[in-house]
Amino acid sequence: MSDDRTTLTRDEVAHLARLARLAVTDDELDLFAGQLDVILTAIARIGEVAAADIKPTSHAVPLQNVLRPDEVRPSLPREDVLAGAPSVEDDRFRVPQILGEEE
């Protein structure tokens, strides 16, 4: 990595803090300047990678569909399921309304 980059000054960090509407102390300015310098150095190293021969991807590993087929299978009878419900109406679960009436 080349050393022709410059580190952030306290004034630049203070300016960034003002833009972000952050109230920072003098001690924090020194701390953040060091932390931001580490971040910017890491980003600069990424930019140095020879990526012309690397195909762009959205994921590091191939994805596969993990859903099972939608098949009808035996289940509990409706009466047994509704028997455990606190409230039933028209052979369905009755639940409290959470949204207002739409007009």
PDB file of N, CA and C in Angstrom:
ATOM      1  N   MET A   1       0.845  -1.179   0.000  1.00  0.00           N
ATOM      2  CA  MET A   1       0.000   0.000   0.000  1.00  0.00           C
ATOM      3  C   MET A   1       0.885   1.235   0.000  1.00  0.00           C
ATOM      4  N   SER A   2       0.516   2.211  -0.788  1.00  0.00           N
ATOM      5  CA  SER A   2       1.306   3.435  -0.844  1.00  0.00           C
ATOM      6  C   SER A   2       0.981   4.332   0.342  1.00  0.00           C
ATOM      7  N   ASP A   3       1.957   5.127   0.758  1.00  0.00           N
ATOM      8  CA  ASP A   3       1.775   6.021   1.897  1.00  0.00           C
ATOM      9  C   ASP A   3       1.526   7.454   1.451  1.00  0.00           C
ATOM     10  N   ASP A   4       0.977   7.663   0.242  1.00  0.00           N
ATOM     11  CA  ASP A   4       0.757   9.019  -0.241  1.00  0.00           C
ATOM     12  C   ASP A   4      -0.565   9.595   0.266  1.00  0.00           C
ATOM     13  N   ARG A   5      -1.305   8.855   1.062  1.00  0.00           N
ATOM     14  CA  ARG A   5      -2.556   9.372   1.617  1.00  0.00           C
ATOM     15  C   ARG A   5      -2.254  10.218   2.850  1.00  0.00           C
ATOM     16  N   THR A   6      -3.179  11.070   3.201  1.00  0.00           N
ATOM     17  CA  THR A   6      -3.021  11.886   4.390  1.00  0.00           C
ATOM     18  C   THR A   6      -4.052  11.451   5.422  1.00  0.00           C
ATOM     19  N   THR A   7      -3.706  11.589   6.675  1.00  0.00           N
ATOM     20  CA  THR A   7      -4.651  11.235   7.735  1.00  0.00           C
ATOM     21  C   THR A   7      -5.615  12.391   7.954  1.00  0.00           C
ATOM     22  N   LEU A   8      -6.741  12.072   8.535  1.00  0.00           N
ATOM     23  CA  LEU A   8      -7.726  13.105   8.832  1.00  0.00           C
ATOM     24  C   LEU A   8      -7.222  13.991   9.962  1.00  0.00           C
ATOM     25  N   THR A   9      -7.430  15.262   9.826  1.00  0.00           N
ATOM     26  CA  THR A   9      -7.049  16.198  10.891  1.00  0.00           C
ATOM     27  C   THR A   9      -8.193  16.327  11.882  1.00  0.00           C
ATOM     28  N   ARG A  10      -7.880  16.882  13.031  1.00  0.00           N
ATOM     29  CA  ARG A  10      -8.922  17.131  14.042  1.00  0.00           C
ATOM     30  C   ARG A  10      -9.989  18.058  13.484  1.00  0.00           C
ATOM     31  N   ASP A  11      -9.570  19.049  12.697  1.00  0.00           N
ATOM     32  CA  ASP A  11     -10.540  19.978  12.115  1.00  0.00           C
ATOM     33  C   ASP A  11     -11.487  19.265  11.161  1.00  0.00           C
ATOM     34  N   GLU A  12     -10.953  18.321  10.370  1.00  0.00           N
ATOM     35  CA  GLU A  12     -11.810  17.573   9.444  1.00  0.00           C
ATOM     36  C   GLU A  12     -12.797  16.678  10.202  1.00  0.00           C
ATOM     37  N   VAL A  13     -12.314  16.057  11.268  1.00  0.00           N
ATOM     38  CA  VAL A  13     -13.203  15.219  12.080  1.00  0.00           C
ATOM     39  C   VAL A  13     -14.257  16.094  12.751  1.00  0.00           C
ATOM     40  N   ALA A  14     -13.872  17.260  13.235  1.00  0.00           N
ATOM     41  CA  ALA A  14     -14.844  18.173  13.850  1.00  0.00           C
ATOM     42  C   ALA A  14     -15.874  18.621  12.814  1.00  0.00           C
ATOM     43  N   HIS A  15     -15.424  18.867  11.595  1.00  0.00           N
ATOM     44  CA  HIS A  15     -16.340  19.260  10.521  1.00  0.00           C
ATOM     45  C   HIS A  15     -17.328  18.129  10.227  1.00  0.00           C
ATOM     46  N   LEU A  16     -16.821  16.919  10.114  1.00  0.00           N
ATOM     47  CA  LEU A  16     -17.695  15.769   9.890  1.00  0.00           C
ATOM     48  C   LEU A  16     -18.703  15.608  11.031  1.00  0.00           C
ATOM     49  N   ALA A  17     -18.257  15.819  12.266  1.00  0.00           N
ATOM     50  CA  ALA A  17     -19.152  15.716  13.416  1.00  0.00           C
ATOM     51  C   ALA A  17     -20.245  16.776  13.343  1.00  0.00           C
ATOM     52  N   ARG A  18     -19.881  17.987  12.940  1.00  0.00           N
ATOM     53  CA  ARG A  18     -20.894  19.044  12.795  1.00  0.00           C
ATOM     54  C   ARG A  18     -21.896  18.685  11.703  1.00  0.00           C
ATOM     55  N   LEU A  19     -21.420  18.159  10.574  1.00  0.00           N
ATOM     56  CA  LEU A  19     -22.319  17.762   9.496  1.00  0.00           C
ATOM     57  C   LEU A  19     -23.290  16.672   9.949  1.00  0.00           C
ATOM     58  N   ALA A  20     -22.797  15.759  10.799  1.00  0.00           N
ATOM     59  CA  ALA A  20     -23.625  14.673  11.299  1.00  0.00           C
ATOM     60  C   ALA A  20     -24.416  15.102  12.540  1.00  0.00           C
ATOM     61  N   ARG A  21     -24.256  16.351  12.929  1.00  0.00           N
ATOM     62  CA  ARG A  21     -24.926  16.906  14.112  1.00  0.00           C
ATOM     63  C   ARG A  21     -24.607  16.100  15.381  1.00  0.00           C
ATOM     64  N   LEU A  22     -23.311  15.787  15.526  1.00  0.00           N
ATOM     65  CA  LEU A  22     -22.830  15.064  16.700  1.00  0.00           C
ATOM     66  C   LEU A  22     -22.059  16.021  17.596  1.00  0.00           C
ATOM     67  N   ALA A  23     -22.356  15.994  18.860  1.00  0.00           N
ATOM     68  CA  ALA A  23     -21.596  16.786  19.827  1.00  0.00           C
ATOM     69  C   ALA A  23     -20.457  15.903  20.335  1.00  0.00           C
ATOM     70  N   VAL A  24     -19.227  16.285  20.032  1.00  0.00           N
ATOM     71  CA  VAL A  24     -18.076  15.486  20.445  1.00  0.00           C
ATOM     72  C   VAL A  24     -17.116  16.339  21.256  1.00  0.00           C
ATOM     73  N   THR A  25     -16.443  15.689  22.186  1.00  0.00           N
ATOM     74  CA  THR A  25     -15.454  16.379  23.019  1.00  0.00           C
ATOM     75  C   THR A  25     -14.105  16.378  22.314  1.00  0.00           C
ATOM     76  N   ASP A  26     -13.152  17.128  22.856  1.00  0.00           N
ATOM     77  CA  ASP A  26     -11.802  17.154  22.283  1.00  0.00           C
ATOM     78  C   ASP A  26     -11.161  15.773  22.330  1.00  0.00           C
ATOM     79  N   ASP A  27     -11.380  15.034  23.434  1.00  0.00           N
ATOM     80  CA  ASP A  27     -10.828  13.683  23.537  1.00  0.00           C
ATOM     81  C   ASP A  27     -11.434  12.768  22.474  1.00  0.00           C
ATOM     82  N   GLU A  28     -12.730  12.926  22.225  1.00  0.00           N
ATOM     83  CA  GLU A  28     -13.396  12.110  21.215  1.00  0.00           C
ATOM     84  C   GLU A  28     -12.896  12.433  19.818  1.00  0.00           C
ATOM     85  N   LEU A  29     -12.552  13.693  19.558  1.00  0.00           N
ATOM     86  CA  LEU A  29     -12.004  14.063  18.253  1.00  0.00           C
ATOM     87  C   LEU A  29     -10.737  13.286  17.963  1.00  0.00           C
ATOM     88  N   ASP A  30      -9.859  13.180  18.971  1.00  0.00           N
ATOM     89  CA  ASP A  30      -8.631  12.411  18.792  1.00  0.00           C
ATOM     90  C   ASP A  30      -8.941  10.931  18.575  1.00  0.00           C
ATOM     91  N   LEU A  31      -9.861  10.393  19.367  1.00  0.00           N
ATOM     92  CA  LEU A  31     -10.234   8.989  19.252  1.00  0.00           C
ATOM     93  C   LEU A  31     -10.841   8.702  17.884  1.00  0.00           C
ATOM     94  N   PHE A  32     -11.794   9.543  17.480  1.00  0.00           N
ATOM     95  CA  PHE A  32     -12.464   9.322  16.189  1.00  0.00           C
ATOM     96  C   PHE A  32     -11.514   9.513  15.013  1.00  0.00           C
ATOM     97  N   ALA A  33     -10.589  10.426  15.127  1.00  0.00           N
ATOM     98  CA  ALA A  33      -9.629  10.638  14.039  1.00  0.00           C
ATOM     99  C   ALA A  33      -8.822   9.360  13.817  1.00  0.00           C
ATOM    100  N   GLY A  34      -8.389   8.724  14.884  1.00  0.00           N
ATOM    101  CA  GLY A  34      -7.643   7.474  14.766  1.00  0.00           C
ATOM    102  C   GLY A  34      -8.498   6.356  14.195  1.00  0.00           C
ATOM    103  N   GLN A  35      -9.749   6.249  14.674  1.00  0.00           N
ATOM    104  CA  GLN A  35     -10.644   5.194  14.195  1.00  0.00           C
ATOM    105  C   GLN A  35     -10.993   5.393  12.716  1.00  0.00           C
ATOM    106  N   LEU A  36     -11.276   6.630  12.338  1.00  0.00           N
ATOM    107  CA  LEU A  36     -11.602   6.902  10.933  1.00  0.00           C
ATOM    108  C   LEU A  36     -10.404   6.639  10.030  1.00  0.00           C
ATOM    109  N   ASP A  37      -9.211   6.910  10.527  1.00  0.00           N
ATOM    110  CA  ASP A  37      -8.012   6.642   9.739  1.00  0.00           C
ATOM    111  C   ASP A  37      -7.867   5.145   9.473  1.00  0.00           C
ATOM    112  N   VAL A  38      -8.168   4.317  10.463  1.00  0.00           N
ATOM    113  CA  VAL A  38      -8.109   2.864  10.282  1.00  0.00           C
ATOM    114  C   VAL A  38      -9.135   2.430   9.237  1.00  0.00           C
ATOM    115  N   ILE A  39     -10.337   2.981   9.310  1.00  0.00           N
ATOM    116  CA  ILE A  39     -11.399   2.635   8.355  1.00  0.00           C
ATOM    117  C   ILE A  39     -10.995   3.051   6.944  1.00  0.00           C
ATOM    118  N   LEU A  40     -10.512   4.280   6.786  1.00  0.00           N
ATOM    119  CA  LEU A  40     -10.121   4.760   5.460  1.00  0.00           C
ATOM    120  C   LEU A  40      -8.950   3.976   4.889  1.00  0.00           C
ATOM    121  N   THR A  41      -8.042   3.537   5.757  1.00  0.00           N
ATOM    122  CA  THR A  41      -6.920   2.709   5.304  1.00  0.00           C
ATOM    123  C   THR A  41      -7.433   1.370   4.786  1.00  0.00           C
ATOM    124  N   ALA A  42      -8.389   0.773   5.492  1.00  0.00           N
ATOM    125  CA  ALA A  42      -8.953  -0.511   5.052  1.00  0.00           C
ATOM    126  C   ALA A  42      -9.672  -0.356   3.720  1.00  0.00           C
ATOM    127  N   ILE A  43     -10.404   0.728   3.552  1.00  0.00           N
ATOM    128  CA  ILE A  43     -11.109   0.968   2.291  1.00  0.00           C
ATOM    129  C   ILE A  43     -10.115   1.178   1.156  1.00  0.00           C
ATOM    130  N   ALA A  44      -9.021   1.879   1.421  1.00  0.00           N
ATOM    131  CA  ALA A  44      -8.004   2.101   0.401  1.00  0.00           C
ATOM    132  C   ALA A  44      -7.368   0.773  -0.017  1.00  0.00           C
ATOM    133  N   ARG A  45      -7.183  -0.139   0.915  1.00  0.00           N
ATOM    134  CA  ARG A  45      -6.610  -1.447   0.583  1.00  0.00           C
ATOM    135  C   ARG A  45      -7.563  -2.233  -0.304  1.00  0.00           C
ATOM    136  N   ILE A  46      -8.842  -2.128  -0.076  1.00  0.00           N
ATOM    137  CA  ILE A  46      -9.824  -2.819  -0.919  1.00  0.00           C
ATOM    138  C   ILE A  46      -9.749  -2.291  -2.340  1.00  0.00           C
ATOM    139  N   GLY A  47      -9.559  -0.986  -2.477  1.00  0.00           N
ATOM    140  CA  GLY A  47      -9.465  -0.372  -3.794  1.00  0.00           C
ATOM    141  C   GLY A  47      -8.247  -0.810  -4.577  1.00  0.00           C
ATOM    142  N   GLU A  48      -7.240  -1.349  -3.914  1.00  0.00           N
ATOM    143  CA  GLU A  48      -6.020  -1.779  -4.580  1.00  0.00           C
ATOM    144  C   GLU A  48      -6.133  -3.173  -5.189  1.00  0.00           C
ATOM    145  N   VAL A  49      -7.185  -3.899  -4.873  1.00  0.00           N
ATOM    146  CA  VAL A  49      -7.346  -5.266  -5.372  1.00  0.00           C
ATOM    147  C   VAL A  49      -7.519  -5.234  -6.885  1.00  0.00           C
ATOM    148  N   ALA A  50      -6.809  -6.099  -7.557  1.00  0.00           N
ATOM    149  CA  ALA A  50      -6.949  -6.214  -9.012  1.00  0.00           C
ATOM    150  C   ALA A  50      -8.190  -7.054  -9.280  1.00  0.00           C
ATOM    151  N   ALA A  51      -9.303  -6.399  -9.500  1.00  0.00           N
ATOM    152  CA  ALA A  51     -10.576  -7.101  -9.600  1.00  0.00           C
ATOM    153  C   ALA A  51     -11.103  -7.188 -11.020  1.00  0.00           C
ATOM    154  N   ALA A  52     -10.315  -6.863 -12.014  1.00  0.00           N
ATOM    155  CA  ALA A  52     -10.806  -6.873 -13.386  1.00  0.00           C
ATOM    156  C   ALA A  52     -11.222  -8.272 -13.824  1.00  0.00           C
ATOM    157  N   ASP A  53     -10.579  -9.305 -13.277  1.00  0.00           N
ATOM    158  CA  ASP A  53     -10.898 -10.667 -13.689  1.00  0.00           C
ATOM    159  C   ASP A  53     -11.870 -11.369 -12.739  1.00  0.00           C
ATOM    160  N   ILE A  54     -12.422 -10.645 -11.769  1.00  0.00           N
ATOM    161  CA  ILE A  54     -13.361 -11.226 -10.804  1.00  0.00           C
ATOM    162  C   ILE A  54     -14.780 -10.853 -11.203  1.00  0.00           C
ATOM    163  N   LYS A  55     -15.622 -11.859 -11.386  1.00  0.00           N
ATOM    164  CA  LYS A  55     -17.003 -11.644 -11.789  1.00  0.00           C
ATOM    165  C   LYS A  55     -17.809 -11.078 -10.603  1.00  0.00           C
ATOM    166  N   PRO A  56     -18.601 -10.033 -10.823  1.00  0.00           N
ATOM    167  CA  PRO A  56     -19.423  -9.486  -9.738  1.00  0.00           C
ATOM    168  C   PRO A  56     -20.441 -10.518  -9.256  1.00  0.00           C
ATOM    169  N   THR A  57     -20.656 -10.575  -7.964  1.00  0.00           N
ATOM    170  CA  THR A  57     -21.647 -11.487  -7.392  1.00  0.00           C
ATOM    171  C   THR A  57     -22.458 -10.762  -6.328  1.00  0.00           C
ATOM    172  N   SER A  58     -23.643 -11.280  -6.079  1.00  0.00           N
ATOM    173  CA  SER A  58     -24.453 -10.701  -5.009  1.00  0.00           C
ATOM    174  C   SER A  58     -24.271 -11.471  -3.703  1.00  0.00           C
ATOM    175  N   HIS A  59     -23.770 -12.715  -3.804  1.00  0.00           N
ATOM    176  CA  HIS A  59     -23.546 -13.541  -2.620  1.00  0.00           C
ATOM    177  C   HIS A  59     -22.217 -14.279  -2.765  1.00  0.00           C
ATOM    178  N   ALA A  60     -21.589 -14.532  -1.646  1.00  0.00           N
ATOM    179  CA  ALA A  60     -20.298 -15.213  -1.674  1.00  0.00           C
ATOM    180  C   ALA A  60     -20.434 -16.693  -2.020  1.00  0.00           C
ATOM    181  N   VAL A  61     -21.574 -17.276  -1.691  1.00  0.00           N
ATOM    182  CA  VAL A  61     -21.820 -18.685  -1.998  1.00  0.00           C
ATOM    183  C   VAL A  61     -23.102 -18.801  -2.812  1.00  0.00           C
ATOM    184  N   PRO A  62     -23.218 -19.831  -3.649  1.00  0.00           N
ATOM    185  CA  PRO A  62     -24.443 -19.982  -4.431  1.00  0.00           C
ATOM    186  C   PRO A  62     -25.658 -20.202  -3.525  1.00  0.00           C
ATOM    187  N   LEU A  63     -26.792 -19.675  -3.941  1.00  0.00           N
ATOM    188  CA  LEU A  63     -28.025 -19.849  -3.175  1.00  0.00           C
ATOM    189  C   LEU A  63     -28.851 -20.963  -3.791  1.00  0.00           C
ATOM    190  N   GLN A  64     -29.633 -21.620  -2.964  1.00  0.00           N
ATOM    191  CA  GLN A  64     -30.565 -22.605  -3.477  1.00  0.00           C
ATOM    192  C   GLN A  64     -31.867 -22.465  -2.717  1.00  0.00           C
ATOM    193  N   ASN A  65     -32.951 -22.799  -3.370  1.00  0.00           N
ATOM    194  CA  ASN A  65     -34.260 -22.715  -2.756  1.00  0.00           C
ATOM    195  C   ASN A  65     -34.390 -23.831  -1.724  1.00  0.00           C
ATOM    196  N   VAL A  66     -34.723 -23.489  -0.503  1.00  0.00           N
ATOM    197  CA  VAL A  66     -34.817 -24.481   0.565  1.00  0.00           C
ATOM    198  C   VAL A  66     -36.269 -24.761   0.949  1.00  0.00           C
ATOM    199  N   LEU A  67     -37.214 -24.298   0.143  1.00  0.00           N
ATOM    200  CA  LEU A  67     -38.612 -24.535   0.443  1.00  0.00           C
ATOM    201  C   LEU A  67     -39.029 -25.916  -0.040  1.00  0.00           C
ATOM    202  N   ARG A  68     -39.891 -26.537   0.716  1.00  0.00           N
ATOM    203  CA  ARG A  68     -40.414 -27.834   0.300  1.00  0.00           C
ATOM    204  C   ARG A  68     -41.576 -27.621  -0.652  1.00  0.00           C
ATOM    205  N   PRO A  69     -41.929 -28.626  -1.436  1.00  0.00           N
ATOM    206  CA  PRO A  69     -43.088 -28.496  -2.326  1.00  0.00           C
ATOM    207  C   PRO A  69     -44.373 -28.297  -1.519  1.00  0.00           C
ATOM    208  N   ASP A  70     -45.287 -27.551  -2.064  1.00  0.00           N
ATOM    209  CA  ASP A  70     -46.562 -27.293  -1.407  1.00  0.00           C
ATOM    210  C   ASP A  70     -47.502 -28.454  -1.715  1.00  0.00           C
ATOM    211  N   GLU A  71     -47.597 -29.380  -0.770  1.00  0.00           N
ATOM    212  CA  GLU A  71     -48.404 -30.572  -0.963  1.00  0.00           C
ATOM    213  C   GLU A  71     -49.448 -30.683   0.139  1.00  0.00           C
ATOM    214  N   VAL A  72     -50.636 -31.150  -0.225  1.00  0.00           N
ATOM    215  CA  VAL A  72     -51.697 -31.392   0.757  1.00  0.00           C
ATOM    216  C   VAL A  72     -51.316 -32.626   1.564  1.00  0.00           C
ATOM    217  N   ARG A  73     -51.358 -32.490   2.881  1.00  0.00           N
ATOM    218  CA  ARG A  73     -51.046 -33.611   3.762  1.00  0.00           C
ATOM    219  C   ARG A  73     -52.110 -33.703   4.846  1.00  0.00           C
ATOM    220  N   PRO A  74     -52.269 -34.850   5.446  1.00  0.00           N
ATOM    221  CA  PRO A  74     -53.270 -34.982   6.517  1.00  0.00           C
ATOM    222  C   PRO A  74     -52.936 -34.043   7.679  1.00  0.00           C
ATOM    223  N   SER A  75     -53.965 -33.505   8.298  1.00  0.00           N
ATOM    224  CA  SER A  75     -53.771 -32.639   9.453  1.00  0.00           C
ATOM    225  C   SER A  75     -54.911 -32.877  10.441  1.00  0.00           C
ATOM    226  N   LEU A  76     -54.944 -32.080  11.491  1.00  0.00           N
ATOM    227  CA  LEU A  76     -55.995 -32.230  12.500  1.00  0.00           C
ATOM    228  C   LEU A  76     -57.350 -31.856  11.921  1.00  0.00           C
ATOM    229  N   PRO A  77     -58.404 -32.509  12.392  1.00  0.00           N
ATOM    230  CA  PRO A  77     -59.747 -32.100  11.969  1.00  0.00           C
ATOM    231  C   PRO A  77     -60.063 -30.693  12.477  1.00  0.00           C
ATOM    232  N   ARG A  78     -60.823 -29.951  11.698  1.00  0.00           N
ATOM    233  CA  ARG A  78     -61.171 -28.574  12.041  1.00  0.00           C
ATOM    234  C   ARG A  78     -61.775 -28.474  13.448  1.00  0.00           C
ATOM    235  N   GLU A  79     -62.641 -29.412  13.805  1.00  0.00           N
ATOM    236  CA  GLU A  79     -63.296 -29.376  15.113  1.00  0.00           C
ATOM    237  C   GLU A  79     -62.275 -29.465  16.247  1.00  0.00           C
ATOM    238  N   ASP A  80     -61.267 -30.317  16.081  1.00  0.00           N
ATOM    239  CA  ASP A  80     -60.245 -30.458  17.123  1.00  0.00           C
ATOM    240  C   ASP A  80     -59.419 -29.188  17.260  1.00  0.00           C
ATOM    241  N   VAL A  81     -59.092 -28.567  16.144  1.00  0.00           N
ATOM    242  CA  VAL A  81     -58.296 -27.339  16.179  1.00  0.00           C
ATOM    243  C   VAL A  81     -59.087 -26.224  16.837  1.00  0.00           C
ATOM    244  N   LEU A  82     -60.332 -26.052  16.423  1.00  0.00           N
ATOM    245  CA  LEU A  82     -61.157 -24.970  16.969  1.00  0.00           C
ATOM    246  C   LEU A  82     -61.539 -25.216  18.418  1.00  0.00           C
ATOM    247  N   ALA A  83     -61.509 -26.459  18.872  1.00  0.00           N
ATOM    248  CA  ALA A  83     -61.861 -26.768  20.260  1.00  0.00           C
ATOM    249  C   ALA A  83     -60.892 -26.114  21.239  1.00  0.00           C
ATOM    250  N   GLY A  84     -59.653 -25.896  20.815  1.00  0.00           N
ATOM    251  CA  GLY A  84     -58.671 -25.275  21.695  1.00  0.00           C
ATOM    252  C   GLY A  84     -58.611 -23.764  21.594  1.00  0.00           C
ATOM    253  N   ALA A  85     -59.434 -23.179  20.744  1.00  0.00           N
ATOM    254  CA  ALA A  85     -59.396 -21.731  20.548  1.00  0.00           C
ATOM    255  C   ALA A  85     -60.177 -21.023  21.643  1.00  0.00           C
ATOM    256  N   PRO A  86     -59.714 -19.861  22.084  1.00  0.00           N
ATOM    257  CA  PRO A  86     -60.458 -19.100  23.104  1.00  0.00           C
ATOM    258  C   PRO A  86     -61.778 -18.559  22.569  1.00  0.00           C
ATOM    259  N   SER A  87     -61.848 -18.290  21.261  1.00  0.00           N
ATOM    260  CA  SER A  87     -63.074 -17.746  20.682  1.00  0.00           C
ATOM    261  C   SER A  87     -63.186 -18.208  19.233  1.00  0.00           C
ATOM    262  N   VAL A  88     -64.415 -18.667  18.858  1.00  0.00           N
ATOM    263  CA  VAL A  88     -64.666 -19.180  17.511  1.00  0.00           C
ATOM    264  C   VAL A  88     -65.895 -18.482  16.953  1.00  0.00           C
ATOM    265  N   GLU A  89     -65.844 -18.175  15.657  1.00  0.00           N
ATOM    266  CA  GLU A  89     -66.993 -17.570  14.974  1.00  0.00           C
ATOM    267  C   GLU A  89     -67.024 -18.082  13.541  1.00  0.00           C
ATOM    268  N   ASP A  90     -68.157 -18.613  13.109  1.00  0.00           N
ATOM    269  CA  ASP A  90     -68.336 -19.131  11.751  1.00  0.00           C
ATOM    270  C   ASP A  90     -67.267 -20.161  11.373  1.00  0.00           C
ATOM    271  N   ASP A  91     -66.992 -21.097  12.275  1.00  0.00           N
ATOM    272  CA  ASP A  91     -65.994 -22.148  12.058  1.00  0.00           C
ATOM    273  C   ASP A  91     -64.595 -21.605  11.795  1.00  0.00           C
ATOM    274  N   ARG A  92     -64.262 -20.457  12.383  1.00  0.00           N
ATOM    275  CA  ARG A  92     -62.926 -19.863  12.263  1.00  0.00           C
ATOM    276  C   ARG A  92     -62.507 -19.298  13.611  1.00  0.00           C
ATOM    277  N   PHE A  93     -61.197 -19.078  13.770  1.00  0.00           N
ATOM    278  CA  PHE A  93     -60.704 -18.404  14.971  1.00  0.00           C
ATOM    279  C   PHE A  93     -61.238 -16.985  14.995  1.00  0.00           C
ATOM    280  N   ARG A  94     -61.710 -16.529  16.146  1.00  0.00           N
ATOM    281  CA  ARG A  94     -62.135 -15.135  16.301  1.00  0.00           C
ATOM    282  C   ARG A  94     -61.024 -14.419  17.048  1.00  0.00           C
ATOM    283  N   VAL A  95     -60.509 -13.362  16.446  1.00  0.00           N
ATOM    284  CA  VAL A  95     -59.416 -12.605  17.047  1.00  0.00           C
ATOM    285  C   VAL A  95     -59.830 -11.150  17.179  1.00  0.00           C
ATOM    286  N   PRO A  96     -59.224 -10.416  18.111  1.00  0.00           N
ATOM    287  CA  PRO A  96     -59.566  -8.999  18.257  1.00  0.00           C
ATOM    288  C   PRO A  96     -59.164  -8.223  17.004  1.00  0.00           C
ATOM    289  N   GLN A  97     -59.966  -7.231  16.666  1.00  0.00           N
ATOM    290  CA  GLN A  97     -59.658  -6.380  15.510  1.00  0.00           C
ATOM    291  C   GLN A  97     -58.464  -5.498  15.857  1.00  0.00           C
ATOM    292  N   ILE A  98     -57.501  -5.421  14.936  1.00  0.00           N
ATOM    293  CA  ILE A  98     -56.314  -4.596  15.198  1.00  0.00           C
ATOM    294  C   ILE A  98     -56.237  -3.396  14.283  1.00  0.00           C
ATOM    295  N   LEU A  99     -56.989  -3.416  13.199  1.00  0.00           N
ATOM    296  CA  LEU A  99     -57.001  -2.296  12.269  1.00  0.00           C
ATOM    297  C   LEU A  99     -58.388  -1.690  12.240  1.00  0.00           C
ATOM    298  N   GLY A 100     -58.462  -0.398  11.968  1.00  0.00           N
ATOM    299  CA  GLY A 100     -59.746   0.258  11.874  1.00  0.00           C
ATOM    300  C   GLY A 100     -60.482  -0.158  10.608  1.00  0.00           C
ATOM    301  N   GLU A 101     -61.763   0.100  10.588  1.00  0.00           N
ATOM    302  CA  GLU A 101     -62.550  -0.197   9.405  1.00  0.00           C
ATOM    303  C   GLU A 101     -62.081   0.665   8.243  1.00  0.00           C
ATOM    304  N   GLU A 102     -61.904   0.057   7.089  1.00  0.00           N
ATOM    305  CA  GLU A 102     -61.520   0.811   5.899  1.00  0.00           C
ATOM    306  C   GLU A 102     -62.798   1.260   5.190  1.00  0.00           C
ATOM    307  N   GLU A 103     -62.796   2.487   4.724  1.00  0.00           N
ATOM    308  CA  GLU A 103     -63.986   3.002   4.060  1.00  0.00           C
ATOM    309  C   GLU A 103     -63.844   2.956   2.569  1.00  0.00           C
TER     310      GLU A 103
END
